[in-house]
């Protein structure tokens, strides 16, 4: 093993540690991926996580202000772009991410909107529909597209199938982000001073608003579920597990009164996670809530 090979391996190991420390759900899902694909996904997650830490409190917890956070984020983006061009970085997480980007075939068309959304977190405390859509695309949908490129690497697909897979990846990323916004309503507002959903106020959040947001989330989950069978076998079970976990969160959020939702974070208990994981291992794709059922529940609220 030459020095670069050793450095590559240490970079990968560093990225893998990030996902296991920060997210049990994504760590569990990634464990179902084929080894080669798993490493790419963990490399992507690590970079996204570090960028998120810059804007979500890591810098301010160190006693620095938002001006410093913006500077660090700009430097992090510049280093990422340079590494994607050269194939090398002195930052282990950036190095791992850049190798993945070069191998699976994506570039700044996906990283630019991601960093733009991260930058929005430093300046925008409220969103209208247009800025919300831009934010969700850059912060979550493009991450789904990065992972998709890893899933289909070396796979022969035509333009129509690629379009379906892209639509599904974007929808799943959007659903993940919106679920997290909904379960973190109070924390985002009280700790970070942010209100992501257009027109939603934490101090007057209603059941009708909750069901309307969940109707949108469930529509995204239906779109993403439809294309899971088209994914390569090495990725299908992991995506089914992630889909199942967030579908379960959607169900639990619907059952939680809006008045409680703004005070406590809804979680999926470990035994339920295990049940969903066993289903994914058995090859079962989660069935999202039917549109008609969603509407009837929302109307009854």
C-alpha atoms as a PDB file:
ATOM      1  CA  UNK A   1       0.000   0.000   0.000  1.00  0.00           C
ATOM      2  CA  UNK A   2       1.504   3.357  -1.030  1.00  0.00           C
ATOM      3  CA  UNK A   3       1.078   6.538   0.983  1.00  0.00           C
ATOM      4  CA  UNK A   4      -1.855   7.857  -1.033  1.00  0.00           C
ATOM      5  CA  UNK A   5      -3.734   4.574  -0.684  1.00  0.00           C
ATOM      6  CA  UNK A   6      -3.226   4.689   3.069  1.00  0.00           C
ATOM      7  CA  UNK A   7      -4.378   8.318   3.152  1.00  0.00           C
ATOM      8  CA  UNK A   8      -7.472   7.403   1.098  1.00  0.00           C
ATOM      9  CA  UNK A   9      -8.326   4.646   3.555  1.00  0.00           C
ATOM     10  CA  UNK A  10      -7.888   6.876   6.601  1.00  0.00           C
ATOM     11  CA  UNK A  11     -10.075   9.534   4.943  1.00  0.00           C
ATOM     12  CA  UNK A  12     -12.799   6.940   4.324  1.00  0.00           C
ATOM     13  CA  UNK A  13     -12.578   5.704   7.910  1.00  0.00           C
ATOM     14  CA  UNK A  14     -12.893   9.280   9.178  1.00  0.00           C
ATOM     15  CA  UNK A  15     -16.009   9.869   7.071  1.00  0.00           C
ATOM     16  CA  UNK A  16     -17.534   6.604   8.263  1.00  0.00           C
ATOM     17  CA  UNK A  17     -17.074   7.621  11.880  1.00  0.00           C
ATOM     18  CA  UNK A  18     -19.036  10.840  11.302  1.00  0.00           C
ATOM     19  CA  UNK A  19     -22.253   9.092  10.264  1.00  0.00           C
ATOM     20  CA  UNK A  20     -22.082   6.692  13.189  1.00  0.00           C
ATOM     21  CA  UNK A  21     -21.561   9.477  15.722  1.00  0.00           C
ATOM     22  CA  UNK A  22     -24.214  11.832  14.380  1.00  0.00           C
ATOM     23  CA  UNK A  23     -27.075   9.687  13.078  1.00  0.00           C
ATOM     24  CA  UNK A  24     -28.165   6.256  14.266  1.00  0.00           C
ATOM     25  CA  UNK A  25     -30.918   6.116  11.622  1.00  0.00           C
ATOM     26  CA  UNK A  26     -28.690   6.884   8.648  1.00  0.00           C
ATOM     27  CA  UNK A  27     -25.921   4.767  10.121  1.00  0.00           C
ATOM     28  CA  UNK A  28     -28.341   1.842  10.321  1.00  0.00           C
ATOM     29  CA  UNK A  29     -29.558   2.384   6.761  1.00  0.00           C
ATOM     30  CA  UNK A  30     -26.037   2.695   5.355  1.00  0.00           C
ATOM     31  CA  UNK A  31     -25.104  -0.649   6.913  1.00  0.00           C
ATOM     32  CA  UNK A  32     -27.466  -2.323   4.427  1.00  0.00           C
ATOM     33  CA  UNK A  33     -25.625  -0.923   1.407  1.00  0.00           C
ATOM     34  CA  UNK A  34     -23.065  -2.921  -0.547  1.00  0.00           C
ATOM     35  CA  UNK A  35     -19.610  -2.070   0.787  1.00  0.00           C
ATOM     36  CA  UNK A  36     -18.480   0.020  -2.200  1.00  0.00           C
ATOM     37  CA  UNK A  37     -21.693   2.040  -2.300  1.00  0.00           C
ATOM     38  CA  UNK A  38     -21.757   2.347   1.494  1.00  0.00           C
ATOM     39  CA  UNK A  39     -18.400   4.102   1.553  1.00  0.00           C
ATOM     40  CA  UNK A  40     -19.486   6.608  -1.074  1.00  0.00           C
ATOM     41  CA  UNK A  41     -22.677   7.413   0.843  1.00  0.00           C
ATOM     42  CA  UNK A  42     -20.788   7.793   4.108  1.00  0.00           C
ATOM     43  CA  UNK A  43     -18.287  10.112   2.407  1.00  0.00           C
ATOM     44  CA  UNK A  44     -21.168  12.260   1.159  1.00  0.00           C
ATOM     45  CA  UNK A  45     -22.868  12.311   4.557  1.00  0.00           C
ATOM     46  CA  UNK A  46     -19.670  13.350   6.350  1.00  0.00           C
ATOM     47  CA  UNK A  47     -19.157  16.456   4.231  1.00  0.00           C
ATOM     48  CA  UNK A  48     -22.812  17.443   4.529  1.00  0.00           C
ATOM     49  CA  UNK A  49     -22.672  16.950   8.297  1.00  0.00           C
ATOM     50  CA  UNK A  50     -19.567  19.101   8.755  1.00  0.00           C
ATOM     51  CA  UNK A  51     -21.090  21.921   6.696  1.00  0.00           C
ATOM     52  CA  UNK A  52     -24.263  21.671   8.762  1.00  0.00           C
ATOM     53  CA  UNK A  53     -22.252  21.939  11.964  1.00  0.00           C
ATOM     54  CA  UNK A  54     -20.650  25.161  10.745  1.00  0.00           C
ATOM     55  CA  UNK A  55     -24.034  26.865  10.384  1.00  0.00           C
ATOM     56  CA  UNK A  56     -25.961  25.101  13.177  1.00  0.00           C
ATOM     57  CA  UNK A  57     -23.935  26.039  16.206  1.00  0.00           C
ATOM     58  CA  UNK A  58     -20.501  24.468  16.168  1.00  0.00           C
ATOM     59  CA  UNK A  59     -18.839  27.779  15.367  1.00  0.00           C
ATOM     60  CA  UNK A  60     -20.947  29.818  17.799  1.00  0.00           C
ATOM     61  CA  UNK A  61     -20.388  27.223  20.551  1.00  0.00           C
ATOM     62  CA  UNK A  62     -16.684  27.913  20.036  1.00  0.00           C
ATOM     63  CA  UNK A  63     -17.358  31.573  20.914  1.00  0.00           C
ATOM     64  CA  UNK A  64     -17.332  32.917  17.350  1.00  0.00           C
ATOM     65  CA  UNK A  65     -20.037  34.824  15.476  1.00  0.00           C
ATOM     66  CA  UNK A  66     -21.946  34.366  12.225  1.00  0.00           C
ATOM     67  CA  UNK A  67     -19.327  36.354  10.313  1.00  0.00           C
ATOM     68  CA  UNK A  68     -16.752  33.729  11.238  1.00  0.00           C
ATOM     69  CA  UNK A  69     -19.239  30.965  10.371  1.00  0.00           C
ATOM     70  CA  UNK A  70     -19.747  32.452   6.899  1.00  0.00           C
ATOM     71  CA  UNK A  71     -15.997  32.668   6.368  1.00  0.00           C
ATOM     72  CA  UNK A  72     -15.449  29.059   7.456  1.00  0.00           C
ATOM     73  CA  UNK A  73     -18.294  27.897   5.218  1.00  0.00           C
ATOM     74  CA  UNK A  74     -16.861  29.770   2.221  1.00  0.00           C
ATOM     75  CA  UNK A  75     -13.434  28.269   2.870  1.00  0.00           C
ATOM     76  CA  UNK A  76     -14.959  24.804   3.246  1.00  0.00           C
ATOM     77  CA  UNK A  77     -16.766  25.138  -0.081  1.00  0.00           C
ATOM     78  CA  UNK A  78     -13.643  26.434  -1.835  1.00  0.00           C
ATOM     79  CA  UNK A  79     -11.597  23.544  -0.457  1.00  0.00           C
ATOM     80  CA  UNK A  80     -14.275  21.077  -1.578  1.00  0.00           C
ATOM     81  CA  UNK A  81     -14.333  22.457  -5.123  1.00  0.00           C
ATOM     82  CA  UNK A  82     -10.537  22.444  -5.335  1.00  0.00           C
ATOM     83  CA  UNK A  83     -10.394  18.845  -4.139  1.00  0.00           C
ATOM     84  CA  UNK A  84     -13.018  17.733  -6.659  1.00  0.00           C
ATOM     85  CA  UNK A  85     -10.776  19.170  -9.375  1.00  0.00           C
ATOM     86  CA  UNK A  86      -7.450  17.860  -8.060  1.00  0.00           C
ATOM     87  CA  UNK A  87      -8.482  14.688  -6.252  1.00  0.00           C
ATOM     88  CA  UNK A  88      -6.683  15.654  -3.041  1.00  0.00           C
ATOM     89  CA  UNK A  89      -7.304  17.618   0.149  1.00  0.00           C
ATOM     90  CA  UNK A  90      -5.479  18.015   3.445  1.00  0.00           C
ATOM     91  CA  UNK A  91      -8.923  17.827   5.105  1.00  0.00           C
ATOM     92  CA  UNK A  92      -9.747  14.123   5.491  1.00  0.00           C
ATOM     93  CA  UNK A  93     -13.534  14.574   5.149  1.00  0.00           C
ATOM     94  CA  UNK A  94     -13.156  16.764   2.070  1.00  0.00           C
ATOM     95  CA  UNK A  95     -10.655  14.326   0.574  1.00  0.00           C
ATOM     96  CA  UNK A  96     -13.069  11.398   1.013  1.00  0.00           C
ATOM     97  CA  UNK A  97     -15.971  13.369  -0.468  1.00  0.00           C
ATOM     98  CA  UNK A  98     -13.948  14.561  -3.446  1.00  0.00           C
ATOM     99  CA  UNK A  99     -12.854  11.030  -4.296  1.00  0.00           C
ATOM    100  CA  UNK A 100     -16.481   9.933  -4.257  1.00  0.00           C
ATOM    101  CA  UNK A 101     -17.606  12.858  -6.420  1.00  0.00           C
ATOM    102  CA  UNK A 102     -14.927  12.117  -8.997  1.00  0.00           C
ATOM    103  CA  UNK A 103     -15.633   8.379  -9.020  1.00  0.00           C
ATOM    104  CA  UNK A 104     -19.424   8.473  -9.284  1.00  0.00           C
ATOM    105  CA  UNK A 105     -19.623  11.493 -11.547  1.00  0.00           C
ATOM    106  CA  UNK A 106     -21.016  14.656  -9.993  1.00  0.00           C
ATOM    107  CA  UNK A 107     -19.541  18.101  -9.522  1.00  0.00           C
ATOM    108  CA  UNK A 108     -20.377  21.666  -8.601  1.00  0.00           C
ATOM    109  CA  UNK A 109     -23.818  21.387 -10.216  1.00  0.00           C
ATOM    110  CA  UNK A 110     -24.759  19.649  -6.948  1.00  0.00           C
ATOM    111  CA  UNK A 111     -22.339  21.145  -4.422  1.00  0.00           C
ATOM    112  CA  UNK A 112     -23.084  24.785  -5.331  1.00  0.00           C
ATOM    113  CA  UNK A 113     -26.805  24.602  -4.471  1.00  0.00           C
ATOM    114  CA  UNK A 114     -25.949  22.673  -1.309  1.00  0.00           C
ATOM    115  CA  UNK A 115     -23.580  25.341  -0.031  1.00  0.00           C
ATOM    116  CA  UNK A 116     -26.022  28.054  -1.109  1.00  0.00           C
ATOM    117  CA  UNK A 117     -28.658  26.528   1.183  1.00  0.00           C
ATOM    118  CA  UNK A 118     -26.163  26.264   4.025  1.00  0.00           C
ATOM    119  CA  UNK A 119     -25.369  29.939   3.526  1.00  0.00           C
ATOM    120  CA  UNK A 120     -29.078  30.762   3.735  1.00  0.00           C
ATOM    121  CA  UNK A 121     -29.074  29.408   7.298  1.00  0.00           C
ATOM    122  CA  UNK A 122     -26.696  32.205   8.272  1.00  0.00           C
ATOM    123  CA  UNK A 123     -28.902  34.990   6.907  1.00  0.00           C
ATOM    124  CA  UNK A 124     -32.533  33.857   6.455  1.00  0.00           C
ATOM    125  CA  UNK A 125     -34.701  33.360   9.545  1.00  0.00           C
ATOM    126  CA  UNK A 126     -38.003  33.016   7.654  1.00  0.00           C
ATOM    127  CA  UNK A 127     -38.922  31.715   4.200  1.00  0.00           C
ATOM    128  CA  UNK A 128     -41.521  32.368   1.548  1.00  0.00           C
ATOM    129  CA  UNK A 129     -42.482  29.489  -0.743  1.00  0.00           C
ATOM    130  CA  UNK A 130     -39.825  30.291  -3.355  1.00  0.00           C
ATOM    131  CA  UNK A 131     -36.949  30.497  -0.858  1.00  0.00           C
ATOM    132  CA  UNK A 132     -38.231  27.410   0.978  1.00  0.00           C
ATOM    133  CA  UNK A 133     -38.205  25.407  -2.268  1.00  0.00           C
ATOM    134  CA  UNK A 134     -34.665  26.611  -3.048  1.00  0.00           C
ATOM    135  CA  UNK A 135     -33.531  25.729   0.439  1.00  0.00           C
ATOM    136  CA  UNK A 136     -34.993  22.217   0.390  1.00  0.00           C
ATOM    137  CA  UNK A 137     -33.537  21.531  -3.050  1.00  0.00           C
ATOM    138  CA  UNK A 138     -30.039  22.594  -2.027  1.00  0.00           C
ATOM    139  CA  UNK A 139     -29.989  21.180   1.482  1.00  0.00           C
ATOM    140  CA  UNK A 140     -31.644  17.819   0.842  1.00  0.00           C
ATOM    141  CA  UNK A 141     -32.664  17.005  -2.725  1.00  0.00           C
ATOM    142  CA  UNK A 142     -29.158  17.415  -4.121  1.00  0.00           C
ATOM    143  CA  UNK A 143     -27.843  15.116  -1.388  1.00  0.00           C
ATOM    144  CA  UNK A 144     -30.298  12.508  -2.638  1.00  0.00           C
ATOM    145  CA  UNK A 145     -28.958  13.083  -6.150  1.00  0.00           C
ATOM    146  CA  UNK A 146     -25.365  12.649  -4.963  1.00  0.00           C
ATOM    147  CA  UNK A 147     -26.300   9.326  -3.364  1.00  0.00           C
ATOM    148  CA  UNK A 148     -28.199   8.282  -6.484  1.00  0.00           C
ATOM    149  CA  UNK A 149     -25.079   8.747  -8.579  1.00  0.00           C
ATOM    150  CA  UNK A 150     -23.312   6.337  -6.202  1.00  0.00           C
ATOM    151  CA  UNK A 151     -26.199   3.860  -6.383  1.00  0.00           C
ATOM    152  CA  UNK A 152     -26.254   3.665 -10.186  1.00  0.00           C
ATOM    153  CA  UNK A 153     -22.505   3.858 -10.818  1.00  0.00           C
ATOM    154  CA  UNK A 154     -21.684   1.395 -13.598  1.00  0.00           C
ATOM    155  CA  UNK A 155     -25.367   0.656 -14.211  1.00  0.00           C
ATOM    156  CA  UNK A 156     -26.793   1.001 -17.724  1.00  0.00           C
ATOM    157  CA  UNK A 157     -29.984   3.089 -17.585  1.00  0.00           C
ATOM    158  CA  UNK A 158     -31.872   4.964 -20.274  1.00  0.00           C
ATOM    159  CA  UNK A 159     -33.023   8.574 -20.095  1.00  0.00           C
ATOM    160  CA  UNK A 160     -36.549   7.710 -18.981  1.00  0.00           C
ATOM    161  CA  UNK A 161     -35.405   5.529 -16.111  1.00  0.00           C
ATOM    162  CA  UNK A 162     -32.839   8.124 -15.078  1.00  0.00           C
ATOM    163  CA  UNK A 163     -35.598  10.740 -14.958  1.00  0.00           C
ATOM    164  CA  UNK A 164     -37.745   8.486 -12.746  1.00  0.00           C
ATOM    165  CA  UNK A 165     -34.842   7.783 -10.405  1.00  0.00           C
ATOM    166  CA  UNK A 166     -33.933  11.466 -10.192  1.00  0.00           C
ATOM    167  CA  UNK A 167     -37.551  12.340  -9.351  1.00  0.00           C
ATOM    168  CA  UNK A 168     -37.606   9.668  -6.644  1.00  0.00           C
ATOM    169  CA  UNK A 169     -34.273  10.720  -5.141  1.00  0.00           C
ATOM    170  CA  UNK A 170     -35.349  14.348  -4.969  1.00  0.00           C
ATOM    171  CA  UNK A 171     -38.684  13.428  -3.411  1.00  0.00           C
ATOM    172  CA  UNK A 172     -37.080  11.262  -0.729  1.00  0.00           C
ATOM    173  CA  UNK A 173     -34.563  13.971   0.116  1.00  0.00           C
ATOM    174  CA  UNK A 174     -37.360  16.544   0.356  1.00  0.00           C
ATOM    175  CA  UNK A 175     -39.417  14.258   2.593  1.00  0.00           C
ATOM    176  CA  UNK A 176     -36.463  13.721   4.935  1.00  0.00           C
ATOM    177  CA  UNK A 177     -35.874  17.448   5.246  1.00  0.00           C
ATOM    178  CA  UNK A 178     -39.528  18.378   5.777  1.00  0.00           C
ATOM    179  CA  UNK A 179     -39.984  15.677   8.420  1.00  0.00           C
ATOM    180  CA  UNK A 180     -36.964  17.020  10.286  1.00  0.00           C
ATOM    181  CA  UNK A 181     -38.276  20.575  10.034  1.00  0.00           C
ATOM    182  CA  UNK A 182     -41.612  19.441  11.470  1.00  0.00           C
ATOM    183  CA  UNK A 183     -40.179  17.450  14.366  1.00  0.00           C
ATOM    184  CA  UNK A 184     -37.710  20.280  15.160  1.00  0.00           C
ATOM    185  CA  UNK A 185     -40.182  23.178  14.961  1.00  0.00           C
ATOM    186  CA  UNK A 186     -39.597  24.469  18.461  1.00  0.00           C
ATOM    187  CA  UNK A 187     -35.837  23.843  18.568  1.00  0.00           C
ATOM    188  CA  UNK A 188     -35.233  25.598  15.249  1.00  0.00           C
ATOM    189  CA  UNK A 189     -37.279  28.604  16.347  1.00  0.00           C
ATOM    190  CA  UNK A 190     -36.156  28.929  19.958  1.00  0.00           C
ATOM    191  CA  UNK A 191     -32.495  27.901  19.638  1.00  0.00           C
ATOM    192  CA  UNK A 192     -31.592  28.968  16.091  1.00  0.00           C
ATOM    193  CA  UNK A 193     -34.235  31.645  15.468  1.00  0.00           C
ATOM    194  CA  UNK A 194     -35.405  29.985  12.244  1.00  0.00           C
ATOM    195  CA  UNK A 195     -38.842  29.284  10.834  1.00  0.00           C
ATOM    196  CA  UNK A 196     -38.581  27.134   7.718  1.00  0.00           C
ATOM    197  CA  UNK A 197     -42.182  26.425   6.696  1.00  0.00           C
ATOM    198  CA  UNK A 198     -43.714  29.474   4.970  1.00  0.00           C
ATOM    199  CA  UNK A 199     -46.493  31.053   7.000  1.00  0.00           C
ATOM    200  CA  UNK A 200     -46.116  28.702   9.995  1.00  0.00           C
ATOM    201  CA  UNK A 201     -45.748  30.196  13.481  1.00  0.00           C
ATOM    202  CA  UNK A 202     -44.645  27.996  16.359  1.00  0.00           C
ATOM    203  CA  UNK A 203     -46.722  29.928  18.905  1.00  0.00           C
ATOM    204  CA  UNK A 204     -49.963  29.333  16.971  1.00  0.00           C
ATOM    205  CA  UNK A 205     -49.328  26.011  15.205  1.00  0.00           C
ATOM    206  CA  UNK A 206     -52.607  24.199  14.496  1.00  0.00           C
ATOM    207  CA  UNK A 207     -53.761  20.662  13.717  1.00  0.00           C
ATOM    208  CA  UNK A 208     -54.896  21.817  10.283  1.00  0.00           C
ATOM    209  CA  UNK A 209     -51.440  23.190   9.499  1.00  0.00           C
ATOM    210  CA  UNK A 210     -49.788  20.007  10.784  1.00  0.00           C
ATOM    211  CA  UNK A 211     -51.915  17.762   8.556  1.00  0.00           C
ATOM    212  CA  UNK A 212     -51.374  20.018   5.553  1.00  0.00           C
ATOM    213  CA  UNK A 213     -47.597  19.741   5.970  1.00  0.00           C
ATOM    214  CA  UNK A 214     -47.824  15.972   6.437  1.00  0.00           C
ATOM    215  CA  UNK A 215     -50.002  15.626   3.323  1.00  0.00           C
ATOM    216  CA  UNK A 216     -47.128  17.188   1.379  1.00  0.00           C
ATOM    217  CA  UNK A 217     -44.568  14.934   3.069  1.00  0.00           C
ATOM    218  CA  UNK A 218     -46.620  11.810   2.363  1.00  0.00           C
ATOM    219  CA  UNK A 219     -46.936  12.814  -1.291  1.00  0.00           C
ATOM    220  CA  UNK A 220     -43.117  12.977  -1.476  1.00  0.00           C
ATOM    221  CA  UNK A 221     -42.862   9.568   0.199  1.00  0.00           C
ATOM    222  CA  UNK A 222     -45.293   8.045  -2.300  1.00  0.00           C
ATOM    223  CA  UNK A 223     -43.222   9.412  -5.176  1.00  0.00           C
ATOM    224  CA  UNK A 224     -39.975   8.048  -3.767  1.00  0.00           C
ATOM    225  CA  UNK A 225     -41.444   4.641  -2.857  1.00  0.00           C
ATOM    226  CA  UNK A 226     -42.587   4.111  -6.437  1.00  0.00           C
ATOM    227  CA  UNK A 227     -39.012   3.965  -7.759  1.00  0.00           C
ATOM    228  CA  UNK A 228     -37.327   1.909  -5.020  1.00  0.00           C
ATOM    229  CA  UNK A 229     -37.862  -1.350  -6.994  1.00  0.00           C
ATOM    230  CA  UNK A 230     -35.840   0.173  -9.859  1.00  0.00           C
ATOM    231  CA  UNK A 231     -32.748   0.742  -7.709  1.00  0.00           C
ATOM    232  CA  UNK A 232     -29.828  -1.709  -7.886  1.00  0.00           C
ATOM    233  CA  UNK A 233     -30.026  -4.562  -5.372  1.00  0.00           C
ATOM    234  CA  UNK A 234     -26.977  -3.236  -3.539  1.00  0.00           C
ATOM    235  CA  UNK A 235     -28.846  -0.050  -2.617  1.00  0.00           C
ATOM    236  CA  UNK A 236     -32.508  -1.057  -2.569  1.00  0.00           C
ATOM    237  CA  UNK A 237     -32.721  -2.412   0.987  1.00  0.00           C
ATOM    238  CA  UNK A 238     -30.972   0.593   2.510  1.00  0.00           C
ATOM    239  CA  UNK A 239     -33.227   3.070   0.726  1.00  0.00           C
ATOM    240  CA  UNK A 240     -36.283   1.014   1.715  1.00  0.00           C
ATOM    241  CA  UNK A 241     -35.153   1.188   5.340  1.00  0.00           C
ATOM    242  CA  UNK A 242     -34.616   4.951   5.224  1.00  0.00           C
ATOM    243  CA  UNK A 243     -37.990   5.366   3.507  1.00  0.00           C
ATOM    244  CA  UNK A 244     -39.631   3.164   6.151  1.00  0.00           C
ATOM    245  CA  UNK A 245     -38.133   5.091   9.066  1.00  0.00           C
ATOM    246  CA  UNK A 246     -39.370   8.428   7.765  1.00  0.00           C
ATOM    247  CA  UNK A 247     -42.767   7.012   6.827  1.00  0.00           C
ATOM    248  CA  UNK A 248     -43.050   5.798  10.422  1.00  0.00           C
ATOM    249  CA  UNK A 249     -42.086   9.255  11.660  1.00  0.00           C
ATOM    250  CA  UNK A 250     -44.811  10.747   9.478  1.00  0.00           C
ATOM    251  CA  UNK A 251     -47.379   8.432  11.065  1.00  0.00           C
ATOM    252  CA  UNK A 252     -46.197   9.315  14.567  1.00  0.00           C
ATOM    253  CA  UNK A 253     -46.181  13.037  13.809  1.00  0.00           C
ATOM    254  CA  UNK A 254     -49.771  12.765  12.592  1.00  0.00           C
ATOM    255  CA  UNK A 255     -50.793  11.095  15.855  1.00  0.00           C
ATOM    256  CA  UNK A 256     -49.027  13.718  17.974  1.00  0.00           C
ATOM    257  CA  UNK A 257     -51.185  16.780  18.787  1.00  0.00           C
ATOM    258  CA  UNK A 258     -49.820  20.013  17.336  1.00  0.00           C
ATOM    259  CA  UNK A 259     -49.614  21.472  20.848  1.00  0.00           C
ATOM    260  CA  UNK A 260     -47.233  18.663  21.879  1.00  0.00           C
ATOM    261  CA  UNK A 261     -45.275  18.727  18.643  1.00  0.00           C
ATOM    262  CA  UNK A 262     -43.933  22.199  19.381  1.00  0.00           C
ATOM    263  CA  UNK A 263     -42.629  21.029  22.769  1.00  0.00           C
ATOM    264  CA  UNK A 264     -41.167  17.563  22.206  1.00  0.00           C
ATOM    265  CA  UNK A 265     -39.215  15.846  19.421  1.00  0.00           C
ATOM    266  CA  UNK A 266     -40.950  12.762  18.012  1.00  0.00           C
ATOM    267  CA  UNK A 267     -38.713   9.701  17.593  1.00  0.00           C
ATOM    268  CA  UNK A 268     -39.020   6.142  16.344  1.00  0.00           C
ATOM    269  CA  UNK A 269     -38.331   3.687  19.235  1.00  0.00           C
ATOM    270  CA  UNK A 270     -35.471   1.255  18.712  1.00  0.00           C
ATOM    271  CA  UNK A 271     -37.727  -1.862  18.631  1.00  0.00           C
ATOM    272  CA  UNK A 272     -39.771  -0.262  15.834  1.00  0.00           C
ATOM    273  CA  UNK A 273     -36.576   0.627  13.962  1.00  0.00           C
ATOM    274  CA  UNK A 274     -35.527  -3.004  14.258  1.00  0.00           C
ATOM    275  CA  UNK A 275     -38.872  -4.190  12.869  1.00  0.00           C
ATOM    276  CA  UNK A 276     -38.587  -1.816   9.893  1.00  0.00           C
ATOM    277  CA  UNK A 277     -34.982  -2.948   9.316  1.00  0.00           C
ATOM    278  CA  UNK A 278     -36.064  -6.611   9.270  1.00  0.00           C
ATOM    279  CA  UNK A 279     -38.704  -5.751   6.691  1.00  0.00           C
ATOM    280  CA  UNK A 280     -36.126  -3.992   4.524  1.00  0.00           C
ATOM    281  CA  UNK A 281     -33.780  -6.981   4.835  1.00  0.00           C
ATOM    282  CA  UNK A 282     -36.630  -9.220   3.685  1.00  0.00           C
ATOM    283  CA  UNK A 283     -37.029  -7.057   0.601  1.00  0.00           C
ATOM    284  CA  UNK A 284     -40.275  -5.349   1.597  1.00  0.00           C
ATOM    285  CA  UNK A 285     -40.802  -1.804   0.352  1.00  0.00           C
ATOM    286  CA  UNK A 286     -42.770   0.408   2.769  1.00  0.00           C
ATOM    287  CA  UNK A 287     -46.251   1.335   1.609  1.00  0.00           C
ATOM    288  CA  UNK A 288     -46.801   5.079   2.067  1.00  0.00           C
ATOM    289  CA  UNK A 289     -50.145   6.316   3.335  1.00  0.00           C
ATOM    290  CA  UNK A 290     -52.645   6.454   0.421  1.00  0.00           C
ATOM    291  CA  UNK A 291     -53.627   9.925  -0.714  1.00  0.00           C
ATOM    292  CA  UNK A 292     -57.320   9.374   0.022  1.00  0.00           C
ATOM    293  CA  UNK A 293     -56.603   8.239   3.568  1.00  0.00           C
ATOM    294  CA  UNK A 294     -54.326  11.207   4.151  1.00  0.00           C
ATOM    295  CA  UNK A 295     -56.975  13.639   3.001  1.00  0.00           C
ATOM    296  CA  UNK A 296     -59.668  12.059   5.131  1.00  0.00           C
ATOM    297  CA  UNK A 297     -57.483  12.248   8.233  1.00  0.00           C
ATOM    298  CA  UNK A 298     -56.625  15.846   7.493  1.00  0.00           C
ATOM    299  CA  UNK A 299     -60.284  16.701   6.952  1.00  0.00           C
ATOM    300  CA  UNK A 300     -61.203  15.098  10.245  1.00  0.00           C
ATOM    301  CA  UNK A 301     -58.677  17.109  12.233  1.00  0.00           C
END
